[in-house]
Amino acid sequence: MPFILQAGFDPVWFCMLLLMMIQTSYLTPPMAPAIFYLRGVAPESITLRQMYAGVVPFIAIQIIALAIVAAFPQTALWLPQQLLGFN
């Protein structure tokens, strides 16, 4: 039996947390690939520092959402249960 099930975690909930963390990593340094993609299409007057500052509110929202899903697993499990019948 996989470790996730042995530990008592719901696999759908665990995958949701993992995907939310991966999504957050696309906006955070040092890699931040989403910012580098935007750097290619942004005007020259916008600096990389301004782009990093611009994503801070989005990172904060994602961290809050991650904390909510971690604390209340039902927030991530309700929709799959309704649509796919997961229990």
Protein backbone atom coordinates (compact mmCIF):
# COMPACT_ATOMS: atom_id res chain seq x y z
CA MET A 1 0.00 0.00 0.00
CA PRO A 2 1.39 3.46 -0.90
CA PHE A 3 2.76 5.64 1.88
CA ILE A 4 0.04 8.27 1.39
CA LEU A 5 -2.70 5.78 2.17
CA GLN A 6 -0.76 4.28 5.07
CA ALA A 7 -0.34 7.73 6.57
CA GLY A 8 -4.10 8.30 6.37
CA PHE A 9 -4.02 11.06 3.75
CA ASP A 10 -6.63 11.27 1.03
CA PRO A 11 -4.75 10.91 -2.29
CA VAL A 12 -6.95 13.50 -4.06
CA TRP A 13 -6.34 16.03 -1.27
CA PHE A 14 -2.58 15.32 -1.32
CA CYS A 15 -2.42 15.80 -5.10
CA MET A 16 -4.33 19.09 -4.80
CA LEU A 17 -1.80 20.36 -2.25
CA LEU A 18 1.09 19.22 -4.41
CA LEU A 19 -0.31 20.92 -7.51
CA MET A 20 -0.96 24.14 -5.60
CA MET A 21 2.66 24.16 -4.41
CA ILE A 22 3.91 23.58 -7.96
CA GLN A 23 1.71 26.43 -9.20
CA THR A 24 3.15 28.73 -6.53
CA SER A 25 6.69 27.75 -7.52
CA TYR A 26 6.13 29.13 -11.01
CA LEU A 27 5.88 32.63 -9.52
CA THR A 28 8.57 32.52 -6.84
CA PRO A 29 12.29 33.11 -7.19
CA PRO A 30 14.90 31.87 -7.90
CA MET A 31 13.49 30.21 -11.03
CA ALA A 32 10.08 31.90 -11.56
CA PRO A 33 9.56 30.72 -15.15
CA ALA A 34 6.26 32.60 -15.47
CA ILE A 35 8.03 35.90 -14.81
CA PHE A 36 10.71 35.14 -17.37
CA TYR A 37 8.02 34.35 -19.95
CA LEU A 38 6.40 37.70 -19.21
CA ARG A 39 9.79 39.42 -19.39
CA GLY A 40 9.95 38.46 -23.05
CA VAL A 41 6.74 40.32 -23.93
CA ALA A 42 6.86 43.21 -21.44
CA PRO A 43 7.94 46.69 -22.48
CA GLU A 44 11.56 47.65 -21.84
CA SER A 45 10.46 50.18 -19.18
CA ILE A 46 9.25 47.42 -16.84
CA THR A 47 12.10 45.94 -14.83
CA LEU A 48 12.44 42.42 -13.50
CA ARG A 49 12.32 43.83 -9.96
CA GLN A 50 8.92 45.42 -10.71
CA MET A 51 7.66 42.10 -12.07
CA TYR A 52 8.75 40.29 -8.92
CA ALA A 53 7.01 42.94 -6.81
CA GLY A 54 3.87 42.59 -8.93
CA VAL A 55 3.46 38.88 -8.20
CA VAL A 56 3.72 39.23 -4.41
CA PRO A 57 -0.07 39.62 -3.93
CA PHE A 58 -0.70 36.51 -6.03
CA ILE A 59 1.83 34.51 -4.06
CA ALA A 60 0.17 35.64 -0.82
CA ILE A 61 -3.24 34.54 -2.12
CA GLN A 62 -1.85 31.17 -3.16
CA ILE A 63 -0.24 30.63 0.25
CA ILE A 64 -3.52 31.51 1.98
CA ALA A 65 -5.40 29.12 -0.31
CA LEU A 66 -2.81 26.42 0.37
CA ALA A 67 -3.25 26.90 4.13
CA ILE A 68 -7.04 26.70 3.81
CA VAL A 69 -6.90 23.50 1.77
CA ALA A 70 -4.35 21.99 4.17
CA ALA A 71 -6.43 22.89 7.23
CA PHE A 72 -9.82 22.03 5.72
CA PRO A 73 -9.40 19.13 3.23
CA GLN A 74 -13.10 19.17 2.37
CA THR A 75 -12.58 22.42 0.43
CA ALA A 76 -10.53 20.47 -2.12
CA LEU A 77 -12.55 17.27 -1.97
CA TRP A 78 -16.09 18.59 -2.37
CA LEU A 79 -16.03 19.20 -6.14
CA PRO A 80 -14.40 15.85 -7.09
CA GLN A 81 -16.95 14.11 -4.88
CA GLN A 82 -19.82 15.88 -6.64
CA LEU A 83 -18.56 15.44 -10.18
CA LEU A 84 -16.78 12.10 -10.07
CA GLY A 85 -18.34 10.39 -7.08
CA PHE A 86 -15.06 10.07 -5.16
CA ASN A 87 -15.57 9.11 -1.52
